[in-house]
């Protein structure tokens, strides 16, 4: 049973690697995109920094969020100073 699980995981990661694409943000771009780091300030003045990454790399405790997370989806296409609304809360 353990070998079957390991084989399944190996097939999964092999397929993920084969379909992976390198994504590099455009230099000088002021729009939030995949791979970028963003610093948000909430209504209370508290700041938090996130880097938007792939699902397999996401670890909020380490400052990375998935590109399919509600936060990242709300931020995509925003410019510095624009307001993003996530779960009813505004962040700038």
PDB file of N, CA and C in Angstrom:
ATOM      1  N   UNK A   1       0.821  -1.193   0.000  1.00  0.00           N
ATOM      2  CA  UNK A   1       0.000   0.000   0.000  1.00  0.00           C
ATOM      3  C   UNK A   1       0.870   1.264   0.000  1.00  0.00           C
ATOM      4  N   UNK A   2       1.936   1.259   0.787  1.00  0.00           N
ATOM      5  CA  UNK A   2       2.826   2.426   0.843  1.00  0.00           C
ATOM      6  C   UNK A   2       3.489   2.668  -0.510  1.00  0.00           C
ATOM      7  N   UNK A   3       3.885   1.603  -1.180  1.00  0.00           N
ATOM      8  CA  UNK A   3       4.513   1.742  -2.495  1.00  0.00           C
ATOM      9  C   UNK A   3       3.517   2.334  -3.488  1.00  0.00           C
ATOM     10  N   UNK A   4       2.262   1.940  -3.393  1.00  0.00           N
ATOM     11  CA  UNK A   4       1.233   2.486  -4.287  1.00  0.00           C
ATOM     12  C   UNK A   4       1.074   3.987  -4.067  1.00  0.00           C
ATOM     13  N   UNK A   5       1.093   4.421  -2.808  1.00  0.00           N
ATOM     14  CA  UNK A   5       0.976   5.853  -2.512  1.00  0.00           C
ATOM     15  C   UNK A   5       2.179   6.631  -3.036  1.00  0.00           C
ATOM     16  N   UNK A   6       3.349   6.078  -2.852  1.00  0.00           N
ATOM     17  CA  UNK A   6       4.564   6.734  -3.339  1.00  0.00           C
ATOM     18  C   UNK A   6       4.547   6.806  -4.863  1.00  0.00           C
ATOM     19  N   UNK A   7       4.124   5.742  -5.516  1.00  0.00           N
ATOM     20  CA  UNK A   7       4.042   5.733  -6.980  1.00  0.00           C
ATOM     21  C   UNK A   7       3.047   6.774  -7.474  1.00  0.00           C
ATOM     22  N   UNK A   8       1.909   6.880  -6.795  1.00  0.00           N
ATOM     23  CA  UNK A   8       0.904   7.876  -7.167  1.00  0.00           C
ATOM     24  C   UNK A   8       1.470   9.289  -7.028  1.00  0.00           C
ATOM     25  N   UNK A   9       2.134   9.551  -5.901  1.00  0.00           N
ATOM     26  CA  UNK A   9       2.725  10.873  -5.685  1.00  0.00           C
ATOM     27  C   UNK A   9       3.789  11.182  -6.733  1.00  0.00           C
ATOM     28  N   UNK A  10       4.590  10.202  -7.066  1.00  0.00           N
ATOM     29  CA  UNK A  10       5.628  10.396  -8.075  1.00  0.00           C
ATOM     30  C   UNK A  10       5.008  10.732  -9.431  1.00  0.00           C
ATOM     31  N   UNK A  11       3.949  10.041  -9.812  1.00  0.00           N
ATOM     32  CA  UNK A  11       3.265  10.348 -11.077  1.00  0.00           C
ATOM     33  C   UNK A  11       2.700  11.769 -11.054  1.00  0.00           C
ATOM     34  N   UNK A  12       2.103  12.146  -9.924  1.00  0.00           N
ATOM     35  CA  UNK A  12       1.526  13.489  -9.792  1.00  0.00           C
ATOM     36  C   UNK A  12       2.604  14.556  -9.968  1.00  0.00           C
ATOM     37  N   UNK A  13       3.708  14.441  -9.228  1.00  0.00           N
ATOM     38  CA  UNK A  13       4.753  15.469  -9.285  1.00  0.00           C
ATOM     39  C   UNK A  13       5.483  15.471 -10.619  1.00  0.00           C
ATOM     40  N   UNK A  14       5.612  14.323 -11.243  1.00  0.00           N
ATOM     41  CA  UNK A  14       6.225  14.271 -12.570  1.00  0.00           C
ATOM     42  C   UNK A  14       5.352  15.021 -13.575  1.00  0.00           C
ATOM     43  N   UNK A  15       4.050  14.804 -13.513  1.00  0.00           N
ATOM     44  CA  UNK A  15       3.131  15.508 -14.417  1.00  0.00           C
ATOM     45  C   UNK A  15       3.141  17.011 -14.143  1.00  0.00           C
ATOM     46  N   UNK A  16       3.187  17.397 -12.876  1.00  0.00           N
ATOM     47  CA  UNK A  16       3.233  18.826 -12.528  1.00  0.00           C
ATOM     48  C   UNK A  16       4.503  19.471 -13.075  1.00  0.00           C
ATOM     49  N   UNK A  17       5.622  18.797 -12.933  1.00  0.00           N
ATOM     50  CA  UNK A  17       6.890  19.341 -13.416  1.00  0.00           C
ATOM     51  C   UNK A  17       6.868  19.504 -14.931  1.00  0.00           C
ATOM     52  N   UNK A  18       6.304  18.528 -15.625  1.00  0.00           N
ATOM     53  CA  UNK A  18       6.274  18.581 -17.087  1.00  0.00           C
ATOM     54  C   UNK A  18       5.397  19.711 -17.609  1.00  0.00           C
ATOM     55  N   UNK A  19       4.390  20.101 -16.848  1.00  0.00           N
ATOM     56  CA  UNK A  19       3.496  21.161 -17.311  1.00  0.00           C
ATOM     57  C   UNK A  19       3.817  22.524 -16.692  1.00  0.00           C
ATOM     58  N   UNK A  20       4.848  22.585 -15.859  1.00  0.00           N
ATOM     59  CA  UNK A  20       5.200  23.842 -15.189  1.00  0.00           C
ATOM     60  C   UNK A  20       5.736  24.861 -16.188  1.00  0.00           C
ATOM     61  N   UNK A  21       5.411  26.118 -15.941  1.00  0.00           N
ATOM     62  CA  UNK A  21       5.907  27.212 -16.764  1.00  0.00           C
ATOM     63  C   UNK A  21       6.525  28.264 -15.860  1.00  0.00           C
ATOM     64  N   UNK A  22       7.664  28.787 -16.263  1.00  0.00           N
ATOM     65  CA  UNK A  22       8.314  29.853 -15.517  1.00  0.00           C
ATOM     66  C   UNK A  22       7.558  31.149 -15.768  1.00  0.00           C
ATOM     67  N   UNK A  23       7.245  31.847 -14.705  1.00  0.00           N
ATOM     68  CA  UNK A  23       6.532  33.117 -14.821  1.00  0.00           C
ATOM     69  C   UNK A  23       7.352  34.198 -14.142  1.00  0.00           C
ATOM     70  N   UNK A  24       7.788  35.170 -14.928  1.00  0.00           N
ATOM     71  CA  UNK A  24       8.593  36.269 -14.404  1.00  0.00           C
ATOM     72  C   UNK A  24       7.817  37.560 -14.622  1.00  0.00           C
ATOM     73  N   UNK A  25       7.544  38.315 -13.547  1.00  0.00           N
ATOM     74  CA  UNK A  25       6.826  39.583 -13.717  1.00  0.00           C
ATOM     75  C   UNK A  25       7.606  40.531 -14.623  1.00  0.00           C
ATOM     76  N   UNK A  26       6.874  41.321 -15.393  1.00  0.00           N
ATOM     77  CA  UNK A  26       7.514  42.292 -16.271  1.00  0.00           C
ATOM     78  C   UNK A  26       8.207  43.363 -15.440  1.00  0.00           C
ATOM     79  N   UNK A  27       9.470  43.667 -15.760  1.00  0.00           N
ATOM     80  CA  UNK A  27      10.167  44.724 -15.020  1.00  0.00           C
ATOM     81  C   UNK A  27       9.435  46.056 -15.172  1.00  0.00           C
ATOM     82  N   UNK A  28       9.294  46.762 -14.074  1.00  0.00           N
ATOM     83  CA  UNK A  28       8.672  48.075 -14.110  1.00  0.00           C
ATOM     84  C   UNK A  28       7.154  48.058 -14.159  1.00  0.00           C
ATOM     85  N   UNK A  29       6.551  46.882 -14.177  1.00  0.00           N
ATOM     86  CA  UNK A  29       5.093  46.808 -14.220  1.00  0.00           C
ATOM     87  C   UNK A  29       4.520  47.292 -12.893  1.00  0.00           C
ATOM     88  N   UNK A  30       3.446  48.071 -12.967  1.00  0.00           N
ATOM     89  CA  UNK A  30       2.819  48.541 -11.736  1.00  0.00           C
ATOM     90  C   UNK A  30       1.497  47.828 -11.465  1.00  0.00           C
ATOM     91  N   UNK A  31       1.232  46.762 -12.216  1.00  0.00           N
ATOM     92  CA  UNK A  31       0.032  45.958 -12.002  1.00  0.00           C
ATOM     93  C   UNK A  31       0.392  44.685 -11.248  1.00  0.00           C
ATOM     94  N   UNK A  32      -0.435  44.307 -10.293  1.00  0.00           N
ATOM     95  CA  UNK A  32      -0.194  43.077  -9.535  1.00  0.00           C
ATOM     96  C   UNK A  32      -0.429  41.884 -10.449  1.00  0.00           C
ATOM     97  N   UNK A  33       0.564  40.998 -10.487  1.00  0.00           N
ATOM     98  CA  UNK A  33       0.512  39.789 -11.311  1.00  0.00           C
ATOM     99  C   UNK A  33       1.128  38.621 -10.550  1.00  0.00           C
ATOM    100  N   UNK A  34       0.985  37.445 -11.118  1.00  0.00           N
ATOM    101  CA  UNK A  34       1.581  36.231 -10.565  1.00  0.00           C
ATOM    102  C   UNK A  34       3.081  36.443 -10.362  1.00  0.00           C
ATOM    103  N   UNK A  35       3.601  36.009  -9.230  1.00  0.00           N
ATOM    104  CA  UNK A  35       5.026  36.087  -8.949  1.00  0.00           C
ATOM    105  C   UNK A  35       5.463  37.349  -8.239  1.00  0.00           C
ATOM    106  N   UNK A  36       4.597  38.339  -8.170  1.00  0.00           N
ATOM    107  CA  UNK A  36       4.970  39.607  -7.544  1.00  0.00           C
ATOM    108  C   UNK A  36       4.773  39.567  -6.037  1.00  0.00           C
ATOM    109  N   UNK A  37       5.508  40.428  -5.368  1.00  0.00           N
ATOM    110  CA  UNK A  37       5.308  40.656  -3.950  1.00  0.00           C
ATOM    111  C   UNK A  37       4.453  41.894  -3.772  1.00  0.00           C
ATOM    112  N   UNK A  38       3.556  41.856  -2.813  1.00  0.00           N
ATOM    113  CA  UNK A  38       2.689  43.001  -2.537  1.00  0.00           C
ATOM    114  C   UNK A  38       2.680  43.267  -1.036  1.00  0.00           C
ATOM    115  N   UNK A  39       2.605  44.528  -0.683  1.00  0.00           N
ATOM    116  CA  UNK A  39       2.452  44.918   0.714  1.00  0.00           C
ATOM    117  C   UNK A  39       1.099  45.593   0.841  1.00  0.00           C
ATOM    118  N   UNK A  40       0.291  45.095   1.757  1.00  0.00           N
ATOM    119  CA  UNK A  40      -1.058  45.619   1.955  1.00  0.00           C
ATOM    120  C   UNK A  40      -1.148  46.322   3.296  1.00  0.00           C
ATOM    121  N   UNK A  41      -1.971  47.365   3.320  1.00  0.00           N
ATOM    122  CA  UNK A  41      -2.228  48.061   4.572  1.00  0.00           C
ATOM    123  C   UNK A  41      -3.724  48.031   4.823  1.00  0.00           C
ATOM    124  N   UNK A  42      -4.106  47.506   5.977  1.00  0.00           N
ATOM    125  CA  UNK A  42      -5.513  47.416   6.340  1.00  0.00           C
ATOM    126  C   UNK A  42      -6.014  48.702   6.964  1.00  0.00           C
ATOM    127  N   UNK A  43      -7.314  48.737   7.245  1.00  0.00           N
ATOM    128  CA  UNK A  43      -7.939  49.907   7.869  1.00  0.00           C
ATOM    129  C   UNK A  43      -7.278  50.273   9.192  1.00  0.00           C
ATOM    130  N   UNK A  44      -6.737  49.275   9.877  1.00  0.00           N
ATOM    131  CA  UNK A  44      -6.120  49.507  11.182  1.00  0.00           C
ATOM    132  C   UNK A  44      -4.665  49.962  11.077  1.00  0.00           C
ATOM    133  N   UNK A  45      -4.155  50.133   9.837  1.00  0.00           N
ATOM    134  CA  UNK A  45      -2.781  50.576   9.635  1.00  0.00           C
ATOM    135  C   UNK A  45      -1.759  49.458   9.640  1.00  0.00           C
ATOM    136  N   UNK A  46      -2.205  48.253   9.939  1.00  0.00           N
ATOM    137  CA  UNK A  46      -1.295  47.102   9.965  1.00  0.00           C
ATOM    138  C   UNK A  46      -0.912  46.712   8.541  1.00  0.00           C
ATOM    139  N   UNK A  47       0.363  46.424   8.334  1.00  0.00           N
ATOM    140  CA  UNK A  47       0.848  46.039   7.010  1.00  0.00           C
ATOM    141  C   UNK A  47       1.225  44.565   6.995  1.00  0.00           C
ATOM    142  N   UNK A  48       1.012  43.950   5.843  1.00  0.00           N
ATOM    143  CA  UNK A  48       1.387  42.553   5.645  1.00  0.00           C
ATOM    144  C   UNK A  48       1.940  42.426   4.226  1.00  0.00           C
ATOM    145  N   UNK A  49       2.970  41.596   4.072  1.00  0.00           N
ATOM    146  CA  UNK A  49       3.588  41.399   2.753  1.00  0.00           C
ATOM    147  C   UNK A  49       3.318  39.975   2.288  1.00  0.00           C
ATOM    148  N   UNK A  50       2.884  39.836   1.035  1.00  0.00           N
ATOM    149  CA  UNK A  50       2.633  38.533   0.429  1.00  0.00           C
ATOM    150  C   UNK A  50       3.340  38.460  -0.913  1.00  0.00           C
ATOM    151  N   UNK A  51       3.755  37.269  -1.292  1.00  0.00           N
ATOM    152  CA  UNK A  51       4.218  37.007  -2.655  1.00  0.00           C
ATOM    153  C   UNK A  51       3.236  36.014  -3.244  1.00  0.00           C
ATOM    154  N   UNK A  52       2.777  36.285  -4.460  1.00  0.00           N
ATOM    155  CA  UNK A  52       1.770  35.452  -5.111  1.00  0.00           C
ATOM    156  C   UNK A  52       2.476  34.357  -5.912  1.00  0.00           C
ATOM    157  N   UNK A  53       2.186  33.107  -5.549  1.00  0.00           N
ATOM    158  CA  UNK A  53       2.899  31.954  -6.116  1.00  0.00           C
ATOM    159  C   UNK A  53       1.908  30.880  -6.552  1.00  0.00           C
ATOM    160  N   UNK A  54       2.436  29.790  -7.075  1.00  0.00           N
ATOM    161  CA  UNK A  54       1.607  28.652  -7.459  1.00  0.00           C
ATOM    162  C   UNK A  54       1.047  27.936  -6.244  1.00  0.00           C
ATOM    163  N   UNK A  55       0.041  27.122  -6.485  1.00  0.00           N
ATOM    164  CA  UNK A  55      -0.630  26.413  -5.394  1.00  0.00           C
ATOM    165  C   UNK A  55       0.329  25.542  -4.585  1.00  0.00           C
ATOM    166  N   UNK A  56       1.289  24.927  -5.250  1.00  0.00           N
ATOM    167  CA  UNK A  56       2.214  24.020  -4.566  1.00  0.00           C
ATOM    168  C   UNK A  56       3.220  24.757  -3.693  1.00  0.00           C
ATOM    169  N   UNK A  57       3.441  26.037  -3.965  1.00  0.00           N
ATOM    170  CA  UNK A  57       4.425  26.827  -3.218  1.00  0.00           C
ATOM    171  C   UNK A  57       3.807  27.627  -2.080  1.00  0.00           C
ATOM    172  N   UNK A  58       2.499  27.774  -2.083  1.00  0.00           N
ATOM    173  CA  UNK A  58       1.829  28.664  -1.137  1.00  0.00           C
ATOM    174  C   UNK A  58       1.986  28.190   0.307  1.00  0.00           C
ATOM    175  N   UNK A  59       2.361  29.133   1.159  1.00  0.00           N
ATOM    176  CA  UNK A  59       2.480  28.889   2.594  1.00  0.00           C
ATOM    177  C   UNK A  59       2.304  30.238   3.289  1.00  0.00           C
ATOM    178  N   UNK A  60       1.067  30.594   3.634  1.00  0.00           N
ATOM    179  CA  UNK A  60       0.815  31.908   4.229  1.00  0.00           C
ATOM    180  C   UNK A  60       1.685  32.217   5.443  1.00  0.00           C
ATOM    181  N   UNK A  61       2.037  31.208   6.217  1.00  0.00           N
ATOM    182  CA  UNK A  61       2.889  31.437   7.391  1.00  0.00           C
ATOM    183  C   UNK A  61       4.272  31.939   6.985  1.00  0.00           C
ATOM    184  N   UNK A  62       4.655  31.667   5.737  1.00  0.00           N
ATOM    185  CA  UNK A  62       5.955  32.116   5.231  1.00  0.00           C
ATOM    186  C   UNK A  62       5.822  33.275   4.246  1.00  0.00           C
ATOM    187  N   UNK A  63       4.619  33.853   4.152  1.00  0.00           N
ATOM    188  CA  UNK A  63       4.436  35.043   3.327  1.00  0.00           C
ATOM    189  C   UNK A  63       4.133  34.786   1.867  1.00  0.00           C
ATOM    190  N   UNK A  64       3.701  33.583   1.528  1.00  0.00           N
ATOM    191  CA  UNK A  64       3.330  33.295   0.144  1.00  0.00           C
ATOM    192  C   UNK A  64       1.875  32.848   0.090  1.00  0.00           C
ATOM    193  N   UNK A  65       1.157  33.338  -0.926  1.00  0.00           N
ATOM    194  CA  UNK A  65      -0.241  32.943  -1.109  1.00  0.00           C
ATOM    195  C   UNK A  65      -0.436  32.407  -2.520  1.00  0.00           C
ATOM    196  N   UNK A  66      -1.395  31.521  -2.654  1.00  0.00           N
ATOM    197  CA  UNK A  66      -1.696  30.908  -3.939  1.00  0.00           C
ATOM    198  C   UNK A  66      -2.346  31.909  -4.886  1.00  0.00           C
ATOM    199  N   UNK A  67      -2.038  31.768  -6.148  1.00  0.00           N
ATOM    200  CA  UNK A  67      -2.614  32.639  -7.175  1.00  0.00           C
ATOM    201  C   UNK A  67      -4.121  32.439  -7.322  1.00  0.00           C
ATOM    202  N   UNK A  68      -4.663  31.363  -6.769  1.00  0.00           N
ATOM    203  CA  UNK A  68      -6.108  31.131  -6.840  1.00  0.00           C
ATOM    204  C   UNK A  68      -6.811  31.477  -5.523  1.00  0.00           C
ATOM    205  N   UNK A  69      -6.068  32.030  -4.575  1.00  0.00           N
ATOM    206  CA  UNK A  69      -6.675  32.417  -3.298  1.00  0.00           C
ATOM    207  C   UNK A  69      -7.548  33.656  -3.499  1.00  0.00           C
ATOM    208  N   UNK A  70      -8.553  33.831  -2.654  1.00  0.00           N
ATOM    209  CA  UNK A  70      -9.392  35.034  -2.769  1.00  0.00           C
ATOM    210  C   UNK A  70      -8.575  36.329  -2.701  1.00  0.00           C
ATOM    211  N   UNK A  71      -7.546  36.354  -1.865  1.00  0.00           N
ATOM    212  CA  UNK A  71      -6.712  37.557  -1.741  1.00  0.00           C
ATOM    213  C   UNK A  71      -6.000  37.855  -3.056  1.00  0.00           C
ATOM    214  N   UNK A  72      -5.346  36.860  -3.634  1.00  0.00           N
ATOM    215  CA  UNK A  72      -4.619  37.074  -4.890  1.00  0.00           C
ATOM    216  C   UNK A  72      -5.575  37.470  -6.009  1.00  0.00           C
ATOM    217  N   UNK A  73      -6.707  36.804  -6.094  1.00  0.00           N
ATOM    218  CA  UNK A  73      -7.674  37.125  -7.146  1.00  0.00           C
ATOM    219  C   UNK A  73      -8.176  38.562  -7.018  1.00  0.00           C
ATOM    220  N   UNK A  74      -8.339  39.034  -5.781  1.00  0.00           N
ATOM    221  CA  UNK A  74      -8.780  40.417  -5.569  1.00  0.00           C
ATOM    222  C   UNK A  74      -7.687  41.419  -5.936  1.00  0.00           C
ATOM    223  N   UNK A  75      -6.429  40.998  -5.843  1.00  0.00           N
ATOM    224  CA  UNK A  75      -5.306  41.904  -6.104  1.00  0.00           C
ATOM    225  C   UNK A  75      -4.884  41.968  -7.570  1.00  0.00           C
ATOM    226  N   UNK A  76      -5.097  40.896  -8.319  1.00  0.00           N
ATOM    227  CA  UNK A  76      -4.641  40.869  -9.712  1.00  0.00           C
ATOM    228  C   UNK A  76      -5.172  42.068 -10.488  1.00  0.00           C
ATOM    229  N   UNK A  77      -4.259  42.749 -11.182  1.00  0.00           N
ATOM    230  CA  UNK A  77      -4.627  43.891 -12.012  1.00  0.00           C
ATOM    231  C   UNK A  77      -4.700  45.211 -11.273  1.00  0.00           C
ATOM    232  N   UNK A  78      -4.535  45.189  -9.953  1.00  0.00           N
ATOM    233  CA  UNK A  78      -4.571  46.430  -9.171  1.00  0.00           C
ATOM    234  C   UNK A  78      -3.228  47.143  -9.273  1.00  0.00           C
ATOM    235  N   UNK A  79      -3.266  48.468  -9.092  1.00  0.00           N
ATOM    236  CA  UNK A  79      -2.059  49.284  -9.051  1.00  0.00           C
ATOM    237  C   UNK A  79      -1.824  49.742  -7.618  1.00  0.00           C
ATOM    238  N   UNK A  80      -0.623  50.243  -7.357  1.00  0.00           N
ATOM    239  CA  UNK A  80      -0.297  50.775  -6.034  1.00  0.00           C
ATOM    240  C   UNK A  80      -1.328  51.830  -5.653  1.00  0.00           C
ATOM    241  N   UNK A  81      -1.848  51.706  -4.438  1.00  0.00           N
ATOM    242  CA  UNK A  81      -2.813  52.676  -3.924  1.00  0.00           C
ATOM    243  C   UNK A  81      -4.260  52.327  -4.187  1.00  0.00           C
ATOM    244  N   UNK A  82      -4.516  51.362  -5.065  1.00  0.00           N
ATOM    245  CA  UNK A  82      -5.901  50.970  -5.330  1.00  0.00           C
ATOM    246  C   UNK A  82      -6.408  50.074  -4.202  1.00  0.00           C
ATOM    247  N   UNK A  83      -7.698  50.093  -4.013  1.00  0.00           N
ATOM    248  CA  UNK A  83      -8.341  49.325  -2.950  1.00  0.00           C
ATOM    249  C   UNK A  83      -8.753  47.952  -3.475  1.00  0.00           C
ATOM    250  N   UNK A  84      -8.457  46.929  -2.689  1.00  0.00           N
ATOM    251  CA  UNK A  84      -8.923  45.573  -2.983  1.00  0.00           C
ATOM    252  C   UNK A  84      -9.849  45.159  -1.851  1.00  0.00           C
ATOM    253  N   UNK A  85     -10.934  44.497  -2.192  1.00  0.00           N
ATOM    254  CA  UNK A  85     -11.888  44.037  -1.182  1.00  0.00           C
ATOM    255  C   UNK A  85     -11.849  42.515  -1.141  1.00  0.00           C
ATOM    256  N   UNK A  86     -11.574  41.986   0.047  1.00  0.00           N
ATOM    257  CA  UNK A  86     -11.524  40.539   0.250  1.00  0.00           C
ATOM    258  C   UNK A  86     -12.358  40.208   1.479  1.00  0.00           C
ATOM    259  N   UNK A  87     -13.320  39.336   1.296  1.00  0.00           N
ATOM    260  CA  UNK A  87     -14.204  38.936   2.399  1.00  0.00           C
ATOM    261  C   UNK A  87     -14.809  40.149   3.107  1.00  0.00           C
ATOM    262  N   UNK A  88     -15.172  41.152   2.332  1.00  0.00           N
ATOM    263  CA  UNK A  88     -15.823  42.333   2.887  1.00  0.00           C
ATOM    264  C   UNK A  88     -14.895  43.341   3.537  1.00  0.00           C
ATOM    265  N   UNK A  89     -13.591  43.076   3.538  1.00  0.00           N
ATOM    266  CA  UNK A  89     -12.618  44.002   4.134  1.00  0.00           C
ATOM    267  C   UNK A  89     -11.820  44.686   3.045  1.00  0.00           C
ATOM    268  N   UNK A  90     -11.563  45.965   3.239  1.00  0.00           N
ATOM    269  CA  UNK A  90     -10.776  46.727   2.273  1.00  0.00           C
ATOM    270  C   UNK A  90      -9.307  46.723   2.659  1.00  0.00           C
ATOM    271  N   UNK A  91      -8.453  46.568   1.643  1.00  0.00           N
ATOM    272  CA  UNK A  91      -7.003  46.656   1.817  1.00  0.00           C
ATOM    273  C   UNK A  91      -6.468  47.565   0.730  1.00  0.00           C
ATOM    274  N   UNK A  92      -5.416  48.291   1.051  1.00  0.00           N
ATOM    275  CA  UNK A  92      -4.800  49.180   0.063  1.00  0.00           C
ATOM    276  C   UNK A  92      -3.361  48.773  -0.137  1.00  0.00           C
TER     277      UNK A  92
END
